[in-house]
Protein backbone atom coordinates (compact mmCIF):
# COMPACT_ATOMS: atom_id res chain seq x y z
CA MET A 1 -95.95 -48.19 189.31
CA THR A 2 -94.83 -49.53 185.91
CA ASN A 3 -91.28 -50.84 185.61
CA ALA A 4 -89.85 -49.25 182.45
CA SER A 5 -87.49 -52.20 181.93
CA HIS A 6 -90.25 -54.82 182.19
CA GLN A 7 -90.95 -56.70 178.96
CA PRO A 8 -94.63 -57.71 178.74
CA LEU A 9 -94.14 -60.50 176.17
CA MET A 10 -93.22 -64.04 177.24
CA SER A 11 -89.70 -65.07 176.29
CA THR A 12 -90.74 -67.67 173.72
CA TYR A 13 -88.76 -65.97 170.95
CA PRO A 14 -85.26 -64.46 170.93
CA ALA A 15 -85.03 -60.69 171.15
CA PRO A 16 -85.94 -59.41 167.66
CA PRO A 17 -82.97 -58.10 165.65
CA VAL A 18 -85.27 -55.64 163.88
CA VAL A 19 -88.83 -54.34 164.23
CA PHE A 20 -90.79 -54.18 160.97
CA GLU A 21 -93.39 -51.48 160.53
CA ARG A 22 -94.58 -51.70 156.92
CA GLY A 23 -94.52 -54.01 153.93
CA GLU A 24 -95.40 -53.94 150.25
CA GLY A 25 -94.85 -56.78 147.80
CA SER A 26 -91.47 -58.39 148.54
CA LEU A 27 -90.28 -55.36 150.52
CA LEU A 28 -90.32 -54.55 154.23
CA TRP A 29 -89.41 -51.36 156.12
CA ASP A 30 -88.30 -51.22 159.74
CA THR A 31 -89.07 -48.53 162.30
CA GLU A 32 -85.95 -46.63 161.24
CA GLY A 33 -87.12 -46.48 157.62
CA LYS A 34 -84.58 -49.03 156.33
CA GLN A 35 -85.77 -51.16 153.42
CA TYR A 36 -85.40 -54.97 153.25
CA LEU A 37 -85.95 -57.56 150.54
CA ASP A 38 -87.98 -60.39 152.08
CA LEU A 39 -87.11 -63.94 150.95
CA LEU A 40 -88.94 -65.61 153.86
CA SER A 41 -92.53 -64.32 153.47
CA GLY A 42 -93.27 -64.69 157.16
CA LEU A 43 -92.35 -68.40 156.93
CA ALA A 44 -94.08 -69.09 153.60
CA VAL A 45 -97.17 -67.09 154.54
CA THR A 46 -97.28 -63.96 152.37
CA SER A 47 -97.08 -65.77 149.04
CA LEU A 48 -98.83 -62.83 147.34
CA GLY A 49 -96.46 -60.36 148.99
CA HIS A 50 -97.08 -57.95 151.84
CA SER A 51 -100.22 -55.80 151.89
CA HIS A 52 -101.64 -57.24 148.69
CA PRO A 53 -104.36 -54.81 147.59
CA ALA A 54 -107.00 -57.48 146.87
CA VAL A 55 -106.55 -59.04 150.30
CA ALA A 56 -106.42 -55.66 152.05
CA GLU A 57 -109.63 -54.59 150.31
CA ALA A 58 -111.37 -57.87 151.18
CA VAL A 59 -110.43 -57.56 154.85
CA ALA A 60 -111.45 -53.89 155.04
CA THR A 61 -114.80 -54.53 153.36
CA GLN A 62 -115.56 -57.55 155.54
CA ALA A 63 -114.56 -55.69 158.70
CA LYS A 64 -117.25 -53.11 157.89
CA THR A 65 -119.81 -55.80 157.02
CA LEU A 66 -119.68 -58.68 159.52
CA LEU A 67 -116.80 -59.83 161.71
CA HIS A 68 -118.18 -62.71 163.73
CA THR A 69 -121.29 -64.66 164.64
CA SER A 70 -119.83 -68.05 165.79
CA ASN A 71 -120.26 -71.36 164.03
CA LEU A 72 -123.73 -71.76 165.50
CA PHE A 73 -124.81 -69.83 162.41
CA GLY A 74 -123.90 -69.75 158.74
CA THR A 75 -121.93 -66.94 157.14
CA ILE A 76 -121.14 -66.10 153.53
CA PRO A 77 -117.42 -66.48 152.69
CA GLY A 78 -116.56 -69.76 154.44
CA PRO A 79 -118.49 -72.28 152.33
CA GLU A 80 -117.22 -70.63 149.14
CA VAL A 81 -113.61 -70.99 150.31
CA ALA A 82 -114.26 -74.60 151.27
CA GLY A 83 -115.65 -75.27 147.80
CA THR A 84 -112.58 -73.77 146.12
CA LEU A 85 -110.20 -75.82 148.28
CA ASP A 86 -112.15 -78.98 147.57
CA ARG A 87 -111.94 -78.29 143.83
CA LEU A 88 -108.19 -77.64 143.96
CA LEU A 89 -107.79 -80.95 145.81
CA GLY A 90 -109.80 -82.89 143.22
CA GLY A 91 -113.27 -82.80 144.79
CA GLY A 92 -115.19 -85.26 146.90
CA GLY A 93 -114.13 -83.88 150.27
CA LYS A 94 -115.15 -81.65 153.14
CA VAL A 95 -113.32 -78.88 155.01
CA PHE A 96 -113.00 -77.89 158.66
CA PHE A 97 -111.65 -74.38 159.24
CA ALA A 98 -109.20 -73.62 162.04
CA ASN A 99 -106.94 -70.71 162.95
CA SER A 100 -103.48 -72.16 162.28
CA GLY A 101 -101.55 -75.08 160.87
CA ALA A 102 -101.18 -76.71 164.28
CA GLU A 103 -104.95 -76.57 164.75
CA ALA A 104 -105.51 -78.00 161.27
CA ASN A 105 -103.24 -80.90 162.23
CA GLU A 106 -105.02 -81.31 165.56
CA CYS A 107 -108.23 -81.70 163.59
CA ALA A 108 -106.59 -84.34 161.37
CA ILE A 109 -105.30 -86.28 164.38
CA LYS A 110 -108.70 -86.24 166.10
CA LEU A 111 -110.37 -87.26 162.84
CA ALA A 112 -107.96 -90.18 162.45
CA ARG A 113 -108.71 -91.35 165.99
CA LYS A 114 -112.47 -91.10 165.51
CA TRP A 115 -112.26 -92.82 162.13
CA GLY A 116 -110.02 -95.59 163.46
CA GLY A 117 -112.00 -96.24 166.62
CA ARG A 118 -110.88 -97.08 170.12
CA GLY A 119 -107.62 -99.02 170.18
CA ARG A 120 -106.72 -97.92 166.67
CA HIS A 121 -105.41 -94.46 167.40
CA VAL A 122 -101.67 -94.33 166.65
CA VAL A 123 -100.39 -91.82 164.08
CA VAL A 124 -97.03 -92.57 162.44
CA SER A 125 -94.93 -89.62 161.26
CA ALA A 126 -91.34 -89.09 160.14
CA LEU A 127 -88.19 -88.13 161.97
CA GLY A 128 -87.29 -84.55 161.05
CA SER A 129 -90.93 -83.59 160.55
CA PHE A 130 -92.70 -80.57 162.01
CA HIS A 131 -96.45 -80.54 162.62
CA GLY A 132 -97.05 -77.90 165.29
CA ARG A 133 -96.55 -76.78 168.88
CA THR A 134 -99.68 -78.01 170.65
CA LEU A 135 -99.05 -81.05 172.84
CA ALA A 136 -100.42 -83.51 170.27
CA THR A 137 -98.85 -81.93 167.19
CA LEU A 138 -95.59 -81.53 169.11
CA HIS A 139 -95.52 -85.28 169.67
CA ALA A 140 -96.40 -85.87 166.02
CA THR A 141 -93.34 -83.73 165.22
CA GLY A 142 -90.36 -86.04 164.69
CA GLN A 143 -87.83 -83.93 166.59
CA PRO A 144 -87.28 -85.54 170.02
CA GLN A 145 -85.19 -82.61 171.27
CA LYS A 146 -88.35 -80.49 171.17
CA HIS A 147 -90.26 -83.05 173.27
CA GLU A 148 -88.21 -83.32 176.44
CA ALA A 149 -89.27 -80.13 178.24
CA PHE A 150 -92.94 -81.06 177.87
CA GLN A 151 -92.99 -84.74 178.80
CA PRO A 152 -95.16 -86.65 179.27
CA LEU A 153 -96.70 -85.93 175.89
CA PRO A 154 -100.00 -87.43 174.70
CA ASP A 155 -99.87 -91.10 173.79
CA GLY A 156 -100.32 -92.46 170.29
CA PHE A 157 -97.43 -91.21 168.16
CA ARG A 158 -94.61 -93.12 166.48
CA HIS A 159 -91.71 -91.85 164.36
CA VAL A 160 -89.81 -93.54 161.53
CA GLU A 161 -86.93 -92.64 159.24
CA TRP A 162 -87.86 -90.13 156.51
CA ASN A 163 -88.22 -91.45 152.97
CA ASN A 164 -87.80 -95.07 154.19
CA LEU A 165 -90.79 -97.15 153.14
CA GLU A 166 -89.57 -100.31 154.85
CA ALA A 167 -89.25 -98.51 158.20
CA LEU A 168 -92.77 -97.17 157.80
CA SER A 169 -94.16 -100.60 156.93
CA ASN A 170 -92.51 -102.12 160.00
CA ALA A 171 -94.04 -99.44 162.25
CA ILE A 172 -97.62 -100.13 161.20
CA ASP A 173 -99.46 -102.52 163.49
CA PRO A 174 -103.18 -102.94 164.32
CA THR A 175 -103.08 -99.88 166.63
CA VAL A 176 -102.24 -97.49 163.77
CA SER A 177 -105.00 -95.36 162.23
CA ALA A 178 -102.98 -93.00 160.03
CA VAL A 179 -99.67 -91.90 158.54
CA LEU A 180 -98.92 -88.15 158.62
CA LEU A 181 -96.22 -86.80 156.29
CA GLU A 182 -95.07 -83.55 154.67
CA PRO A 183 -94.33 -83.52 150.90
CA VAL A 184 -91.30 -81.40 151.78
CA GLN A 185 -90.01 -81.30 155.34
CA GLY A 186 -89.86 -77.54 155.81
CA GLU A 187 -88.60 -76.97 159.36
CA GLY A 188 -86.62 -80.19 159.08
CA GLY A 189 -84.32 -78.68 156.47
CA VAL A 190 -86.37 -78.46 153.24
CA ASN A 191 -86.16 -82.17 152.42
CA PRO A 192 -88.48 -83.25 149.58
CA ALA A 193 -90.05 -86.69 149.56
CA SER A 194 -89.40 -88.90 146.56
CA ARG A 195 -92.21 -89.83 144.20
CA GLU A 196 -91.49 -93.51 144.90
CA TYR A 197 -91.88 -92.92 148.64
CA PHE A 198 -95.26 -91.19 148.41
CA GLU A 199 -96.52 -93.78 145.89
CA GLY A 200 -95.37 -96.52 148.26
CA VAL A 201 -97.01 -94.86 151.26
CA ARG A 202 -100.31 -94.59 149.39
CA LYS A 203 -100.17 -98.27 148.45
CA LEU A 204 -99.21 -99.27 151.98
CA CYS A 205 -102.05 -97.27 153.53
CA ASP A 206 -104.52 -98.87 151.11
CA GLU A 207 -103.24 -102.36 151.93
CA ARG A 208 -103.37 -101.80 155.71
CA GLN A 209 -106.65 -99.82 155.52
CA ILE A 210 -105.30 -96.75 157.29
CA LEU A 211 -105.40 -93.06 156.41
CA PHE A 212 -102.71 -91.23 154.46
CA MET A 213 -102.69 -87.67 155.86
CA VAL A 214 -100.51 -85.00 154.24
CA ASP A 215 -99.41 -81.86 156.07
CA GLU A 216 -99.41 -79.08 153.45
CA VAL A 217 -99.23 -76.24 155.96
CA GLN A 218 -96.00 -74.89 154.45
CA THR A 219 -96.15 -76.50 151.01
CA GLY A 220 -99.78 -75.93 150.04
CA LEU A 221 -101.41 -73.39 147.75
CA GLY A 222 -98.92 -73.08 144.93
CA ARG A 223 -95.70 -72.87 146.93
CA THR A 224 -94.10 -76.01 145.43
CA GLY A 225 -95.14 -75.43 141.82
CA GLU A 226 -98.38 -77.41 142.14
CA TRP A 227 -101.44 -76.38 144.10
CA PHE A 228 -100.40 -78.92 146.73
CA GLY A 229 -97.05 -80.61 147.17
CA HIS A 230 -98.40 -84.17 147.05
CA GLN A 231 -99.68 -83.51 143.52
CA HIS A 232 -96.07 -83.74 142.30
CA PHE A 233 -96.16 -87.41 143.22
CA GLY A 234 -99.44 -88.43 141.57
CA VAL A 235 -101.09 -89.62 144.80
CA ARG A 236 -104.34 -88.62 146.48
CA PRO A 237 -104.30 -88.42 150.27
CA ASP A 238 -107.31 -89.09 152.49
CA VAL A 239 -106.68 -85.96 154.57
CA VAL A 240 -104.82 -82.72 153.74
CA THR A 241 -104.02 -79.90 156.16
CA MET A 242 -103.09 -76.33 155.22
CA ALA A 243 -102.69 -72.82 156.65
CA LYS A 244 -99.90 -70.24 156.16
CA ALA A 245 -100.51 -68.94 152.60
CA LEU A 246 -104.28 -69.43 152.82
CA GLY A 247 -104.80 -66.03 154.47
CA ASN A 248 -101.63 -64.29 153.21
CA GLY A 249 -101.06 -63.18 156.80
CA VAL A 250 -104.59 -63.37 158.19
CA PRO A 251 -104.70 -66.38 160.57
CA ILE A 252 -106.65 -69.25 159.02
CA GLY A 253 -106.06 -72.97 158.64
CA ALA A 254 -108.05 -75.82 157.13
CA CYS A 255 -108.31 -79.59 157.31
CA TRP A 256 -109.74 -81.28 154.21
CA ALA A 257 -110.82 -84.93 154.20
CA LEU A 258 -112.48 -87.19 151.68
CA ASP A 259 -116.23 -87.47 152.30
CA HIS A 260 -116.17 -90.99 153.72
CA VAL A 261 -113.43 -89.99 156.18
CA ALA A 262 -114.99 -86.64 157.13
CA GLU A 263 -118.22 -88.47 157.97
CA ALA A 264 -116.51 -89.89 161.06
CA PHE A 265 -117.11 -86.49 162.68
CA VAL A 266 -120.62 -85.72 163.90
CA PRO A 267 -121.84 -82.48 165.53
CA GLY A 268 -120.04 -81.97 168.82
CA ASP A 269 -116.91 -83.97 167.94
CA HIS A 270 -114.77 -80.96 167.04
CA ALA A 271 -115.18 -77.19 167.11
CA THR A 272 -113.50 -73.82 167.32
CA THR A 273 -114.87 -70.38 168.12
CA TYR A 274 -113.04 -68.50 165.37
CA GLY A 275 -112.47 -71.12 162.67
CA GLY A 276 -113.76 -69.97 159.29
CA GLN A 277 -115.15 -66.71 160.67
CA PRO A 278 -116.03 -64.08 158.05
CA LEU A 279 -112.91 -61.88 158.30
CA ALA A 280 -110.45 -64.75 157.86
CA ALA A 281 -112.62 -66.43 155.22
CA ALA A 282 -112.94 -63.17 153.26
CA ALA A 283 -109.15 -62.90 153.19
CA ALA A 284 -108.82 -66.52 152.05
CA ARG A 285 -111.42 -66.01 149.34
CA ALA A 286 -109.43 -63.06 147.96
CA VAL A 287 -106.16 -65.01 148.25
CA LEU A 288 -107.48 -68.01 146.33
CA ALA A 289 -109.09 -65.88 143.63
CA THR A 290 -105.86 -63.94 143.13
CA MET A 291 -103.73 -67.08 143.14
CA GLU A 292 -105.87 -68.66 140.44
CA GLN A 293 -105.84 -65.45 138.41
CA ILE A 294 -102.03 -65.22 138.39
CA ASP A 295 -101.45 -69.01 138.21
CA ALA A 296 -99.51 -69.20 141.48
CA PRO A 297 -98.04 -72.68 140.85
CA ALA A 298 -96.53 -71.55 137.54
CA LEU A 299 -95.01 -68.50 139.22
CA ALA A 300 -93.53 -70.71 141.94
CA ARG A 301 -91.89 -72.92 139.34
CA GLU A 302 -90.38 -69.88 137.59
CA VAL A 303 -89.15 -68.32 140.85
CA GLY A 304 -87.62 -71.60 142.02
CA LYS A 305 -85.89 -72.16 138.68
CA SER A 306 -84.46 -68.62 138.62
CA PHE A 307 -83.15 -68.81 142.18
CA THR A 308 -81.72 -72.31 141.73
CA GLU A 309 -79.84 -71.49 138.53
CA ALA A 310 -78.42 -68.24 139.93
CA LEU A 311 -77.44 -69.68 143.31
CA LEU A 312 -75.74 -72.76 141.86
CA ASP A 313 -73.40 -70.38 140.02
CA LEU A 314 -72.00 -69.27 143.39
CA PRO A 315 -68.91 -71.31 144.35
CA GLN A 316 -69.91 -71.31 148.03
CA VAL A 317 -73.23 -73.05 147.28
CA VAL A 318 -73.01 -76.85 147.06
CA GLU A 319 -76.70 -77.68 146.62
CA VAL A 320 -80.11 -76.09 146.18
CA ARG A 321 -82.92 -78.47 147.11
CA GLY A 322 -86.67 -78.19 147.44
CA LEU A 323 -89.71 -77.88 145.21
CA GLY A 324 -90.86 -74.73 143.44
CA ALA A 325 -90.33 -71.70 145.65
CA ILE A 326 -89.48 -73.47 148.90
CA LEU A 327 -85.73 -73.96 148.78
CA ALA A 328 -82.75 -74.77 150.97
CA VAL A 329 -79.39 -73.37 149.96
CA GLU A 330 -76.72 -75.74 151.25
CA LEU A 331 -73.49 -73.84 151.90
CA GLN A 332 -69.91 -74.93 151.47
CA GLU A 333 -68.24 -76.27 154.61
CA GLY A 334 -66.99 -73.45 156.80
CA ASN A 335 -70.03 -71.21 156.23
CA ASP A 336 -72.30 -70.73 159.26
CA SER A 337 -75.89 -70.23 158.10
CA LYS A 338 -76.81 -68.27 161.24
CA GLU A 339 -73.96 -65.84 160.65
CA VAL A 340 -74.90 -65.53 156.98
CA THR A 341 -78.49 -64.83 158.03
CA ARG A 342 -77.31 -62.11 160.43
CA LEU A 343 -75.10 -60.47 157.82
CA ALA A 344 -77.86 -60.67 155.21
CA LEU A 345 -80.25 -58.83 157.53
CA GLU A 346 -77.62 -56.11 158.02
CA GLN A 347 -77.53 -55.73 154.22
CA GLY A 348 -81.31 -55.61 153.91
CA LEU A 349 -82.07 -59.23 153.01
CA VAL A 350 -84.38 -61.50 155.03
CA VAL A 351 -83.52 -65.21 154.96
CA ASN A 352 -83.64 -68.02 157.53
CA ALA A 353 -81.04 -70.49 158.84
CA VAL A 354 -83.01 -73.74 158.58
CA THR A 355 -80.01 -75.95 159.48
CA PRO A 356 -76.48 -75.04 160.64
CA SER A 357 -75.29 -75.24 157.02
CA ALA A 358 -78.36 -74.24 154.99
CA LEU A 359 -80.47 -71.16 154.34
CA ARG A 360 -84.21 -71.42 153.70
CA LEU A 361 -85.81 -69.30 150.99
CA ALA A 362 -89.58 -68.97 150.67
CA PRO A 363 -90.02 -65.74 148.71
CA ALA A 364 -93.30 -64.21 147.63
CA LEU A 365 -94.42 -65.83 144.39
CA ILE A 366 -94.75 -62.35 142.87
CA ILE A 367 -91.08 -61.49 143.43
CA THR A 368 -89.59 -59.81 140.34
CA PRO A 369 -86.52 -60.94 138.33
CA ALA A 370 -84.75 -57.75 139.41
CA GLU A 371 -85.42 -58.56 143.07
CA ILE A 372 -84.14 -62.13 142.59
CA ALA A 373 -80.95 -60.77 141.01
CA LYS A 374 -80.49 -58.30 143.87
CA ALA A 375 -80.96 -61.04 146.48
CA VAL A 376 -78.39 -63.31 144.81
CA THR A 377 -75.91 -60.42 144.54
CA ILE A 378 -76.21 -59.73 148.28
CA LEU A 379 -75.75 -63.41 149.14
CA ALA A 380 -72.79 -63.70 146.78
CA SER A 381 -71.14 -60.73 148.50
CA ILE A 382 -71.66 -62.17 151.97
CA LEU A 383 -70.51 -65.67 151.04
CA GLY A 384 -67.48 -64.26 149.28
CA GLU A 385 -66.46 -62.54 152.50
CA GLN A 386 -67.08 -65.72 154.53
CA SER A 387 -65.00 -68.03 152.35
């Protein structure tokens, strides 16, 4: 007999404050029919907005054509998507498709180990970073409080202070194969790297003959105002990972590596049943085509500029940091970002408390000026009541 009070989902997330049923563009509707303005985009995923017609059509058409054959055989959309990603990254590389950002980073970590060889396996990442929830990517994540419940974690990870080149240099010894960094620490509080830091990391990796791997899971594909966040800094990584916006909600991730690095993998070294399968690849193909058509990086720059200028006019906002359309809104002392997030949801605005004192905004790149103005008005009203 079924227990009516039994909840079939594991308790890995808090009880949801609202259940969403439908979305269109920057708007969401819950099961009660209430409308919300979404400034989070499913954590920087739906960069083209909810239910984008080109993506919906691509998924529907592919679902009626071919869903899956496994990677024992070739299919049509995947190689085309890989070619587009390689072009956007400057060419000369190869792509492995996965199902998520964590899996893309797992691929990068395995590639670094294979490339480095036995005894040269350590990956150095930054404190405050976030790279995933698998055991390896959890240890790559520079947030020790997330580690404790799952110790012992896999060996081979080291963490250094963010944006500190000297600390990174001191951490590199003959056991290190790669450095893994985000251009903007998203989950860590929306903390952009400096150009000098990324230039220094590139030089350091060249000098020590190790890989520079960049996690673009949250920052990639136009979000920062360039196709990839590292392109702001004029450096070229050896490995780049991505996911989130690539499918606009359809699960797909990718790990790109320069040819001479990718060649470390041979058949049998890495695999996944679903990675790059036709449905996900068809969605990604439509996403990339649409992003290029609308010039997604330019839109991100405009959205970020509009939000930053409007939010800095609010007396309760002390800083707006980030790149393009991934922003943290640092609130005046006395404001609780979690409480502001709760009140915003009550007023039909979806934001995220990324630190105790800061809100994270990652709106759809197609958000309208009127929607930006509405969002700022709601935040101004809430912050005015809090102060």
